[in-house]
Amino acid sequence: MVIYLFGWERFYMTQETVTIENKTGIHARPASVFVQTATKFKSKIQIEAKGKKVDAKSILMLMSMGLVQGTQMNIIAEGEDEADAVKALADLVNSKFGEE
């Protein structure tokens, strides 16, 4: 968990760095599964990789990143179920989206 302090307000977020291990990277099917999983959570979820940060609940944004095998990405969530969201999405990536 990361805590940012701005004035008197605290902003909490959970993040985890994962590496895409499946041979085909994040193409249409894994992107669809990733987004379906992300939309189950109320938290704001973003993916950060290759110098970009996008909404993890948008299949178009996720696919536009061109995430290939070996790419590291940060899964960042902020909200009431952020820890569960990050864990579920990290587990999905680490399982190679069930492709291999």
PDB file of N, CA and C in Angstrom:
ATOM      1  N   MET A   1       0.848  -1.168   0.000  1.00  0.00           N
ATOM      2  CA  MET A   1       0.000   0.000   0.000  1.00  0.00           C
ATOM      3  C   MET A   1       0.896   1.234   0.000  1.00  0.00           C
ATOM      4  N   VAL A   2       0.531   2.194  -0.763  1.00  0.00           N
ATOM      5  CA  VAL A   2       1.248   3.455  -0.847  1.00  0.00           C
ATOM      6  C   VAL A   2       0.345   4.539  -0.276  1.00  0.00           C
ATOM      7  N   ILE A   3       0.908   5.402   0.545  1.00  0.00           N
ATOM      8  CA  ILE A   3       0.131   6.495   1.132  1.00  0.00           C
ATOM      9  C   ILE A   3       0.756   7.813   0.703  1.00  0.00           C
ATOM     10  N   TYR A   4      -0.044   8.684   0.127  1.00  0.00           N
ATOM     11  CA  TYR A   4       0.407  10.022  -0.239  1.00  0.00           C
ATOM     12  C   TYR A   4      -0.276  11.017   0.683  1.00  0.00           C
ATOM     13  N   LEU A   5       0.483  11.959   1.204  1.00  0.00           N
ATOM     14  CA  LEU A   5      -0.079  12.993   2.067  1.00  0.00           C
ATOM     15  C   LEU A   5      -0.041  14.330   1.348  1.00  0.00           C
ATOM     16  N   PHE A   6      -1.176  14.963   1.216  1.00  0.00           N
ATOM     17  CA  PHE A   6      -1.288  16.292   0.617  1.00  0.00           C
ATOM     18  C   PHE A   6      -2.060  17.155   1.600  1.00  0.00           C
ATOM     19  N   GLY A   7      -1.351  18.059   2.255  1.00  0.00           N
ATOM     20  CA  GLY A   7      -2.022  18.861   3.270  1.00  0.00           C
ATOM     21  C   GLY A   7      -2.509  17.957   4.380  1.00  0.00           C
ATOM     22  N   TRP A   8      -3.795  18.024   4.662  1.00  0.00           N
ATOM     23  CA  TRP A   8      -4.369  17.191   5.713  1.00  0.00           C
ATOM     24  C   TRP A   8      -5.041  15.942   5.173  1.00  0.00           C
ATOM     25  N   GLU A   9      -5.043  15.774   3.864  1.00  0.00           N
ATOM     26  CA  GLU A   9      -5.711  14.622   3.275  1.00  0.00           C
ATOM     27  C   GLU A   9      -4.723  13.489   3.038  1.00  0.00           C
ATOM     28  N   ARG A  10      -5.200  12.277   3.149  1.00  0.00           N
ATOM     29  CA  ARG A  10      -4.396  11.095   2.848  1.00  0.00           C
ATOM     30  C   ARG A  10      -5.022  10.387   1.655  1.00  0.00           C
ATOM     31  N   PHE A  11      -4.191   9.981   0.730  1.00  0.00           N
ATOM     32  CA  PHE A  11      -4.661   9.229  -0.422  1.00  0.00           C
ATOM     33  C   PHE A  11      -3.984   7.866  -0.382  1.00  0.00           C
ATOM     34  N   TYR A  12      -4.764   6.825  -0.309  1.00  0.00           N
ATOM     35  CA  TYR A  12      -4.244   5.469  -0.247  1.00  0.00           C
ATOM     36  C   TYR A  12      -4.363   4.837  -1.625  1.00  0.00           C
ATOM     37  N   MET A  13      -3.430   3.991  -1.940  1.00  0.00           N
ATOM     38  CA  MET A  13      -3.560   3.197  -3.148  1.00  0.00           C
ATOM     39  C   MET A  13      -2.725   1.944  -2.973  1.00  0.00           C
ATOM     40  N   THR A  14      -3.094   0.920  -3.697  1.00  0.00           N
ATOM     41  CA  THR A  14      -2.360  -0.334  -3.695  1.00  0.00           C
ATOM     42  C   THR A  14      -1.848  -0.551  -5.095  1.00  0.00           C
ATOM     43  N   GLN A  15      -0.616  -1.029  -5.184  1.00  0.00           N
ATOM     44  CA  GLN A  15      -0.070  -1.311  -6.510  1.00  0.00           C
ATOM     45  C   GLN A  15       0.841  -2.521  -6.457  1.00  0.00           C
ATOM     46  N   GLU A  16       1.001  -3.154  -7.596  1.00  0.00           N
ATOM     47  CA  GLU A  16       1.900  -4.298  -7.727  1.00  0.00           C
ATOM     48  C   GLU A  16       2.465  -4.301  -9.139  1.00  0.00           C
ATOM     49  N   THR A  17       3.744  -4.620  -9.239  1.00  0.00           N
ATOM     50  CA  THR A  17       4.394  -4.737 -10.536  1.00  0.00           C
ATOM     51  C   THR A  17       4.412  -6.198 -10.942  1.00  0.00           C
ATOM     52  N   VAL A  18       3.973  -6.464 -12.161  1.00  0.00           N
ATOM     53  CA  VAL A  18       3.966  -7.825 -12.704  1.00  0.00           C
ATOM     54  C   VAL A  18       4.640  -7.813 -14.071  1.00  0.00           C
ATOM     55  N   THR A  19       5.073  -8.986 -14.505  1.00  0.00           N
ATOM     56  CA  THR A  19       5.683  -9.140 -15.821  1.00  0.00           C
ATOM     57  C   THR A  19       4.793 -10.024 -16.669  1.00  0.00           C
ATOM     58  N   ILE A  20       4.530  -9.608 -17.888  1.00  0.00           N
ATOM     59  CA  ILE A  20       3.707 -10.401 -18.802  1.00  0.00           C
ATOM     60  C   ILE A  20       4.560 -11.558 -19.307  1.00  0.00           C
ATOM     61  N   GLU A  21       4.134 -12.772 -18.991  1.00  0.00           N
ATOM     62  CA  GLU A  21       4.917 -13.961 -19.317  1.00  0.00           C
ATOM     63  C   GLU A  21       4.353 -14.771 -20.484  1.00  0.00           C
ATOM     64  N   ASN A  22       3.074 -14.605 -20.787  1.00  0.00           N
ATOM     65  CA  ASN A  22       2.526 -15.415 -21.880  1.00  0.00           C
ATOM     66  C   ASN A  22       3.115 -14.964 -23.217  1.00  0.00           C
ATOM     67  N   LYS A  23       3.337 -15.915 -24.107  1.00  0.00           N
ATOM     68  CA  LYS A  23       4.064 -15.675 -25.361  1.00  0.00           C
ATOM     69  C   LYS A  23       3.431 -14.617 -26.248  1.00  0.00           C
ATOM     70  N   THR A  24       2.124 -14.536 -26.245  1.00  0.00           N
ATOM     71  CA  THR A  24       1.440 -13.622 -27.163  1.00  0.00           C
ATOM     72  C   THR A  24       1.155 -12.250 -26.552  1.00  0.00           C
ATOM     73  N   GLY A  25       1.565 -12.034 -25.307  1.00  0.00           N
ATOM     74  CA  GLY A  25       1.317 -10.747 -24.674  1.00  0.00           C
ATOM     75  C   GLY A  25      -0.170 -10.530 -24.419  1.00  0.00           C
ATOM     76  N   ILE A  26      -0.546  -9.270 -24.273  1.00  0.00           N
ATOM     77  CA  ILE A  26      -1.959  -8.955 -24.031  1.00  0.00           C
ATOM     78  C   ILE A  26      -2.605  -8.584 -25.360  1.00  0.00           C
ATOM     79  N   HIS A  27      -3.198  -9.596 -25.989  1.00  0.00           N
ATOM     80  CA  HIS A  27      -3.957  -9.397 -27.225  1.00  0.00           C
ATOM     81  C   HIS A  27      -5.442  -9.404 -26.857  1.00  0.00           C
ATOM     82  N   ALA A  28      -6.319  -9.594 -27.808  1.00  0.00           N
ATOM     83  CA  ALA A  28      -7.761  -9.416 -27.582  1.00  0.00           C
ATOM     84  C   ALA A  28      -8.331 -10.269 -26.448  1.00  0.00           C
ATOM     85  N   ARG A  29      -8.050 -11.575 -26.434  1.00  0.00           N
ATOM     86  CA  ARG A  29      -8.657 -12.430 -25.413  1.00  0.00           C
ATOM     87  C   ARG A  29      -8.153 -12.100 -24.006  1.00  0.00           C
ATOM     88  N   PRO A  30      -6.831 -12.029 -23.778  1.00  0.00           N
ATOM     89  CA  PRO A  30      -6.387 -11.664 -22.431  1.00  0.00           C
ATOM     90  C   PRO A  30      -6.847 -10.263 -22.010  1.00  0.00           C
ATOM     91  N   ALA A  31      -6.884  -9.336 -22.942  1.00  0.00           N
ATOM     92  CA  ALA A  31      -7.344  -7.982 -22.616  1.00  0.00           C
ATOM     93  C   ALA A  31      -8.803  -8.014 -22.174  1.00  0.00           C
ATOM     94  N   SER A  32      -9.605  -8.809 -22.864  1.00  0.00           N
ATOM     95  CA  SER A  32     -11.017  -8.930 -22.516  1.00  0.00           C
ATOM     96  C   SER A  32     -11.188  -9.521 -21.119  1.00  0.00           C
ATOM     97  N   VAL A  33     -10.442 -10.578 -20.823  1.00  0.00           N
ATOM     98  CA  VAL A  33     -10.516 -11.211 -19.502  1.00  0.00           C
ATOM     99  C   VAL A  33     -10.036 -10.241 -18.419  1.00  0.00           C
ATOM    100  N   PHE A  34      -8.972  -9.508 -18.703  1.00  0.00           N
ATOM    101  CA  PHE A  34      -8.430  -8.539 -17.749  1.00  0.00           C
ATOM    102  C   PHE A  34      -9.468  -7.462 -17.432  1.00  0.00           C
ATOM    103  N   VAL A  35     -10.073  -6.902 -18.471  1.00  0.00           N
ATOM    104  CA  VAL A  35     -11.065  -5.834 -18.286  1.00  0.00           C
ATOM    105  C   VAL A  35     -12.307  -6.363 -17.570  1.00  0.00           C
ATOM    106  N   GLN A  36     -12.751  -7.567 -17.922  1.00  0.00           N
ATOM    107  CA  GLN A  36     -13.906  -8.155 -17.238  1.00  0.00           C
ATOM    108  C   GLN A  36     -13.631  -8.316 -15.749  1.00  0.00           C
ATOM    109  N   THR A  37     -12.415  -8.730 -15.423  1.00  0.00           N
ATOM    110  CA  THR A  37     -12.036  -8.876 -14.018  1.00  0.00           C
ATOM    111  C   THR A  37     -11.975  -7.509 -13.341  1.00  0.00           C
ATOM    112  N   ALA A  38     -11.366  -6.538 -13.988  1.00  0.00           N
ATOM    113  CA  ALA A  38     -11.226  -5.192 -13.412  1.00  0.00           C
ATOM    114  C   ALA A  38     -12.582  -4.551 -13.134  1.00  0.00           C
ATOM    115  N   THR A  39     -13.546  -4.764 -14.027  1.00  0.00           N
ATOM    116  CA  THR A  39     -14.854  -4.113 -13.864  1.00  0.00           C
ATOM    117  C   THR A  39     -15.681  -4.705 -12.720  1.00  0.00           C
ATOM    118  N   LYS A  40     -15.237  -5.800 -12.140  1.00  0.00           N
ATOM    119  CA  LYS A  40     -15.925  -6.376 -10.986  1.00  0.00           C
ATOM    120  C   LYS A  40     -15.677  -5.565  -9.715  1.00  0.00           C
ATOM    121  N   PHE A  41     -14.701  -4.682  -9.772  1.00  0.00           N
ATOM    122  CA  PHE A  41     -14.301  -3.925  -8.587  1.00  0.00           C
ATOM    123  C   PHE A  41     -14.751  -2.467  -8.680  1.00  0.00           C
ATOM    124  N   LYS A  42     -15.020  -1.877  -7.525  1.00  0.00           N
ATOM    125  CA  LYS A  42     -15.465  -0.486  -7.467  1.00  0.00           C
ATOM    126  C   LYS A  42     -14.308   0.498  -7.570  1.00  0.00           C
ATOM    127  N   SER A  43     -13.115   0.060  -7.211  1.00  0.00           N
ATOM    128  CA  SER A  43     -11.944   0.939  -7.194  1.00  0.00           C
ATOM    129  C   SER A  43     -11.588   1.446  -8.580  1.00  0.00           C
ATOM    130  N   LYS A  44     -10.937   2.603  -8.599  1.00  0.00           N
ATOM    131  CA  LYS A  44     -10.331   3.112  -9.828  1.00  0.00           C
ATOM    132  C   LYS A  44      -9.070   2.276 -10.049  1.00  0.00           C
ATOM    133  N   ILE A  45      -8.933   1.686 -11.233  1.00  0.00           N
ATOM    134  CA  ILE A  45      -7.791   0.818 -11.517  1.00  0.00           C
ATOM    135  C   ILE A  45      -7.101   1.313 -12.774  1.00  0.00           C
ATOM    136  N   GLN A  46      -5.788   1.425 -12.680  1.00  0.00           N
ATOM    137  CA  GLN A  46      -4.999   1.860 -13.828  1.00  0.00           C
ATOM    138  C   GLN A  46      -3.840   0.899 -14.058  1.00  0.00           C
ATOM    139  N   ILE A  47      -3.379   0.882 -15.302  1.00  0.00           N
ATOM    140  CA  ILE A  47      -2.194   0.129 -15.692  1.00  0.00           C
ATOM    141  C   ILE A  47      -1.148   1.141 -16.117  1.00  0.00           C
ATOM    142  N   GLU A  48       0.059   0.956 -15.630  1.00  0.00           N
ATOM    143  CA  GLU A  48       1.161   1.831 -16.012  1.00  0.00           C
ATOM    144  C   GLU A  48       2.275   0.970 -16.599  1.00  0.00           C
ATOM    145  N   ALA A  49       2.664   1.280 -17.829  1.00  0.00           N
ATOM    146  CA  ALA A  49       3.743   0.553 -18.503  1.00  0.00           C
ATOM    147  C   ALA A  49       4.243   1.387 -19.669  1.00  0.00           C
ATOM    148  N   LYS A  50       5.508   1.220 -19.986  1.00  0.00           N
ATOM    149  CA  LYS A  50       6.095   1.873 -21.159  1.00  0.00           C
ATOM    150  C   LYS A  50       5.846   3.384 -21.169  1.00  0.00           C
ATOM    151  N   GLY A  51       5.859   3.989 -19.986  1.00  0.00           N
ATOM    152  CA  GLY A  51       5.692   5.437 -19.893  1.00  0.00           C
ATOM    153  C   GLY A  51       4.268   5.941 -20.039  1.00  0.00           C
ATOM    154  N   LYS A  52       3.293   5.027 -20.068  1.00  0.00           N
ATOM    155  CA  LYS A  52       1.885   5.425 -20.191  1.00  0.00           C
ATOM    156  C   LYS A  52       1.102   4.900 -18.997  1.00  0.00           C
ATOM    157  N   LYS A  53       0.013   5.579 -18.681  1.00  0.00           N
ATOM    158  CA  LYS A  53      -0.908   5.120 -17.646  1.00  0.00           C
ATOM    159  C   LYS A  53      -2.307   5.174 -18.235  1.00  0.00           C
ATOM    160  N   VAL A  54      -3.020   4.018 -18.196  1.00  0.00           N
ATOM    161  CA  VAL A  54      -4.353   3.949 -18.798  1.00  0.00           C
ATOM    162  C   VAL A  54      -5.350   3.322 -17.834  1.00  0.00           C
ATOM    163  N   ASP A  55      -6.620   3.534 -18.129  1.00  0.00           N
ATOM    164  CA  ASP A  55      -7.731   2.957 -17.378  1.00  0.00           C
ATOM    165  C   ASP A  55      -7.779   1.456 -17.644  1.00  0.00           C
ATOM    166  N   ALA A  56      -7.664   0.657 -16.589  1.00  0.00           N
ATOM    167  CA  ALA A  56      -7.661  -0.800 -16.726  1.00  0.00           C
ATOM    168  C   ALA A  56      -9.037  -1.364 -17.053  1.00  0.00           C
ATOM    169  N   LYS A  57     -10.063  -0.529 -17.025  1.00  0.00           N
ATOM    170  CA  LYS A  57     -11.411  -0.988 -17.337  1.00  0.00           C
ATOM    171  C   LYS A  57     -11.792  -0.681 -18.780  1.00  0.00           C
ATOM    172  N   SER A  58     -10.826  -0.230 -19.573  1.00  0.00           N
ATOM    173  CA  SER A  58     -11.053   0.088 -20.986  1.00  0.00           C
ATOM    174  C   SER A  58     -10.232  -0.848 -21.859  1.00  0.00           C
ATOM    175  N   ILE A  59     -10.907  -1.715 -22.590  1.00  0.00           N
ATOM    176  CA  ILE A  59     -10.196  -2.666 -23.443  1.00  0.00           C
ATOM    177  C   ILE A  59      -9.400  -1.947 -24.536  1.00  0.00           C
ATOM    178  N   LEU A  60      -9.940  -0.872 -25.077  1.00  0.00           N
ATOM    179  CA  LEU A  60      -9.219  -0.135 -26.123  1.00  0.00           C
ATOM    180  C   LEU A  60      -7.936   0.483 -25.588  1.00  0.00           C
ATOM    181  N   MET A  61      -8.010   1.064 -24.407  1.00  0.00           N
ATOM    182  CA  MET A  61      -6.821   1.672 -23.807  1.00  0.00           C
ATOM    183  C   MET A  61      -5.778   0.611 -23.474  1.00  0.00           C
ATOM    184  N   LEU A  62      -6.235  -0.506 -22.936  1.00  0.00           N
ATOM    185  CA  LEU A  62      -5.316  -1.583 -22.570  1.00  0.00           C
ATOM    186  C   LEU A  62      -4.610  -2.146 -23.800  1.00  0.00           C
ATOM    187  N   MET A  63      -5.361  -2.408 -24.850  1.00  0.00           N
ATOM    188  CA  MET A  63      -4.764  -2.966 -26.070  1.00  0.00           C
ATOM    189  C   MET A  63      -3.867  -1.958 -26.775  1.00  0.00           C
ATOM    190  N   SER A  64      -4.138  -0.680 -26.616  1.00  0.00           N
ATOM    191  CA  SER A  64      -3.324   0.345 -27.275  1.00  0.00           C
ATOM    192  C   SER A  64      -1.911   0.423 -26.700  1.00  0.00           C
ATOM    193  N   MET A  65      -1.694  -0.190 -25.560  1.00  0.00           N
ATOM    194  CA  MET A  65      -0.377  -0.132 -24.929  1.00  0.00           C
ATOM    195  C   MET A  65       0.637  -1.063 -25.584  1.00  0.00           C
ATOM    196  N   GLY A  66       0.177  -2.044 -26.345  1.00  0.00           N
ATOM    197  CA  GLY A  66       1.100  -2.957 -27.010  1.00  0.00           C
ATOM    198  C   GLY A  66       1.943  -3.753 -26.030  1.00  0.00           C
ATOM    199  N   LEU A  67       1.303  -4.359 -25.054  1.00  0.00           N
ATOM    200  CA  LEU A  67       2.011  -5.089 -24.007  1.00  0.00           C
ATOM    201  C   LEU A  67       2.380  -6.488 -24.489  1.00  0.00           C
ATOM    202  N   VAL A  68       3.664  -6.715 -24.667  1.00  0.00           N
ATOM    203  CA  VAL A  68       4.170  -7.987 -25.184  1.00  0.00           C
ATOM    204  C   VAL A  68       4.865  -8.767 -24.069  1.00  0.00           C
ATOM    205  N   GLN A  69       5.212 -10.009 -24.379  1.00  0.00           N
ATOM    206  CA  GLN A  69       5.905 -10.858 -23.412  1.00  0.00           C
ATOM    207  C   GLN A  69       7.155 -10.148 -22.884  1.00  0.00           C
ATOM    208  N   GLY A  70       7.340 -10.202 -21.582  1.00  0.00           N
ATOM    209  CA  GLY A  70       8.497  -9.586 -20.948  1.00  0.00           C
ATOM    210  C   GLY A  70       8.275  -8.166 -20.466  1.00  0.00           C
ATOM    211  N   THR A  71       7.161  -7.554 -20.850  1.00  0.00           N
ATOM    212  CA  THR A  71       6.859  -6.187 -20.418  1.00  0.00           C
ATOM    213  C   THR A  71       6.467  -6.178 -18.943  1.00  0.00           C
ATOM    214  N   GLN A  72       7.046  -5.263 -18.195  1.00  0.00           N
ATOM    215  CA  GLN A  72       6.629  -5.063 -16.812  1.00  0.00           C
ATOM    216  C   GLN A  72       5.553  -3.984 -16.781  1.00  0.00           C
ATOM    217  N   MET A  73       4.547  -4.213 -15.947  1.00  0.00           N
ATOM    218  CA  MET A  73       3.500  -3.209 -15.801  1.00  0.00           C
ATOM    219  C   MET A  73       3.100  -3.105 -14.344  1.00  0.00           C
ATOM    220  N   ASN A  74       2.693  -1.918 -13.959  1.00  0.00           N
ATOM    221  CA  ASN A  74       2.183  -1.679 -12.612  1.00  0.00           C
ATOM    222  C   ASN A  74       0.670  -1.702 -12.662  1.00  0.00           C
ATOM    223  N   ILE A  75       0.082  -2.447 -11.755  1.00  0.00           N
ATOM    224  CA  ILE A  75      -1.364  -2.436 -11.565  1.00  0.00           C
ATOM    225  C   ILE A  75      -1.606  -1.551 -10.352  1.00  0.00           C
ATOM    226  N   ILE A  76      -2.357  -0.483 -10.538  1.00  0.00           N
ATOM    227  CA  ILE A  76      -2.561   0.514  -9.488  1.00  0.00           C
ATOM    228  C   ILE A  76      -4.062   0.653  -9.240  1.00  0.00           C
ATOM    229  N   ALA A  77      -4.465   0.512  -7.990  1.00  0.00           N
ATOM    230  CA  ALA A  77      -5.888   0.647  -7.658  1.00  0.00           C
ATOM    231  C   ALA A  77      -6.048   1.578  -6.468  1.00  0.00           C
ATOM    232  N   GLU A  78      -7.144   2.326  -6.504  1.00  0.00           N
ATOM    233  CA  GLU A  78      -7.464   3.247  -5.418  1.00  0.00           C
ATOM    234  C   GLU A  78      -8.960   3.168  -5.157  1.00  0.00           C
ATOM    235  N   GLY A  79      -9.320   2.783  -3.936  1.00  0.00           N
ATOM    236  CA  GLY A  79     -10.730   2.680  -3.583  1.00  0.00           C
ATOM    237  C   GLY A  79     -10.958   1.637  -2.515  1.00  0.00           C
ATOM    238  N   GLU A  80     -12.222   1.389  -2.235  1.00  0.00           N
ATOM    239  CA  GLU A  80     -12.574   0.536  -1.103  1.00  0.00           C
ATOM    240  C   GLU A  80     -12.141  -0.916  -1.245  1.00  0.00           C
ATOM    241  N   ASP A  81     -12.005  -1.423  -2.460  1.00  0.00           N
ATOM    242  CA  ASP A  81     -11.606  -2.824  -2.655  1.00  0.00           C
ATOM    243  C   ASP A  81     -10.288  -2.926  -3.429  1.00  0.00           C
ATOM    244  N   GLU A  82      -9.433  -1.923  -3.256  1.00  0.00           N
ATOM    245  CA  GLU A  82      -8.197  -1.833  -4.037  1.00  0.00           C
ATOM    246  C   GLU A  82      -7.275  -3.032  -3.860  1.00  0.00           C
ATOM    247  N   ALA A  83      -7.106  -3.521  -2.645  1.00  0.00           N
ATOM    248  CA  ALA A  83      -6.192  -4.651  -2.419  1.00  0.00           C
ATOM    249  C   ALA A  83      -6.691  -5.903  -3.130  1.00  0.00           C
ATOM    250  N   ASP A  84      -7.989  -6.160  -3.047  1.00  0.00           N
ATOM    251  CA  ASP A  84      -8.564  -7.325  -3.727  1.00  0.00           C
ATOM    252  C   ASP A  84      -8.442  -7.191  -5.241  1.00  0.00           C
ATOM    253  N   ALA A  85      -8.642  -5.989  -5.743  1.00  0.00           N
ATOM    254  CA  ALA A  85      -8.550  -5.751  -7.188  1.00  0.00           C
ATOM    255  C   ALA A  85      -7.140  -6.015  -7.693  1.00  0.00           C
ATOM    256  N   VAL A  86      -6.155  -5.456  -7.016  1.00  0.00           N
ATOM    257  CA  VAL A  86      -4.766  -5.640  -7.445  1.00  0.00           C
ATOM    258  C   VAL A  86      -4.380  -7.111  -7.372  1.00  0.00           C
ATOM    259  N   LYS A  87      -4.774  -7.796  -6.303  1.00  0.00           N
ATOM    260  CA  LYS A  87      -4.447  -9.217  -6.171  1.00  0.00           C
ATOM    261  C   LYS A  87      -5.074 -10.032  -7.291  1.00  0.00           C
ATOM    262  N   ALA A  88      -6.338  -9.810  -7.571  1.00  0.00           N
ATOM    263  CA  ALA A  88      -7.028 -10.575  -8.614  1.00  0.00           C
ATOM    264  C   ALA A  88      -6.383 -10.355  -9.981  1.00  0.00           C
ATOM    265  N   LEU A  89      -6.046  -9.118 -10.294  1.00  0.00           N
ATOM    266  CA  LEU A  89      -5.456  -8.814 -11.602  1.00  0.00           C
ATOM    267  C   LEU A  89      -4.016  -9.311 -11.697  1.00  0.00           C
ATOM    268  N   ALA A  90      -3.258  -9.195 -10.614  1.00  0.00           N
ATOM    269  CA  ALA A  90      -1.889  -9.716 -10.615  1.00  0.00           C
ATOM    270  C   ALA A  90      -1.901 -11.236 -10.759  1.00  0.00           C
ATOM    271  N   ASP A  91      -2.816 -11.902 -10.059  1.00  0.00           N
ATOM    272  CA  ASP A  91      -2.934 -13.359 -10.185  1.00  0.00           C
ATOM    273  C   ASP A  91      -3.277 -13.754 -11.614  1.00  0.00           C
ATOM    274  N   LEU A  92      -4.135 -12.991 -12.258  1.00  0.00           N
ATOM    275  CA  LEU A  92      -4.519 -13.266 -13.642  1.00  0.00           C
ATOM    276  C   LEU A  92      -3.308 -13.164 -14.571  1.00  0.00           C
ATOM    277  N   VAL A  93      -2.540 -12.099 -14.435  1.00  0.00           N
ATOM    278  CA  VAL A  93      -1.343 -11.924 -15.269  1.00  0.00           C
ATOM    279  C   VAL A  93      -0.332 -13.023 -14.974  1.00  0.00           C
ATOM    280  N   ASN A  94      -0.122 -13.324 -13.698  1.00  0.00           N
ATOM    281  CA  ASN A  94       0.855 -14.344 -13.316  1.00  0.00           C
ATOM    282  C   ASN A  94       0.453 -15.742 -13.756  1.00  0.00           C
ATOM    283  N   SER A  95      -0.837 -15.964 -13.987  1.00  0.00           N
ATOM    284  CA  SER A  95      -1.312 -17.266 -14.479  1.00  0.00           C
ATOM    285  C   SER A  95      -1.234 -17.352 -15.999  1.00  0.00           C
ATOM    286  N   LYS A  96      -0.655 -16.329 -16.623  1.00  0.00           N
ATOM    287  CA  LYS A  96      -0.541 -16.229 -18.084  1.00  0.00           C
ATOM    288  C   LYS A  96      -1.917 -16.245 -18.741  1.00  0.00           C
ATOM    289  N   PHE A  97      -2.903 -15.721 -18.033  1.00  0.00           N
ATOM    290  CA  PHE A  97      -4.280 -15.625 -18.532  1.00  0.00           C
ATOM    291  C   PHE A  97      -4.851 -16.993 -18.883  1.00  0.00           C
ATOM    292  N   GLY A  98      -4.276 -18.054 -18.293  1.00  0.00           N
ATOM    293  CA  GLY A  98      -4.734 -19.411 -18.554  1.00  0.00           C
ATOM    294  C   GLY A  98      -4.420 -19.916 -19.944  1.00  0.00           C
ATOM    295  N   GLU A  99      -3.523 -19.237 -20.650  1.00  0.00           N
ATOM    296  CA  GLU A  99      -3.222 -19.615 -22.035  1.00  0.00           C
ATOM    297  C   GLU A  99      -2.169 -20.697 -22.161  1.00  0.00           C
ATOM    298  N   GLU A 100      -1.301 -20.832 -21.178  1.00  0.00           N
ATOM    299  CA  GLU A 100      -0.207 -21.797 -21.320  1.00  0.00           C
ATOM    300  C   GLU A 100      -0.165 -22.726 -20.135  1.00  0.00           C
TER     301      GLU A 100
END
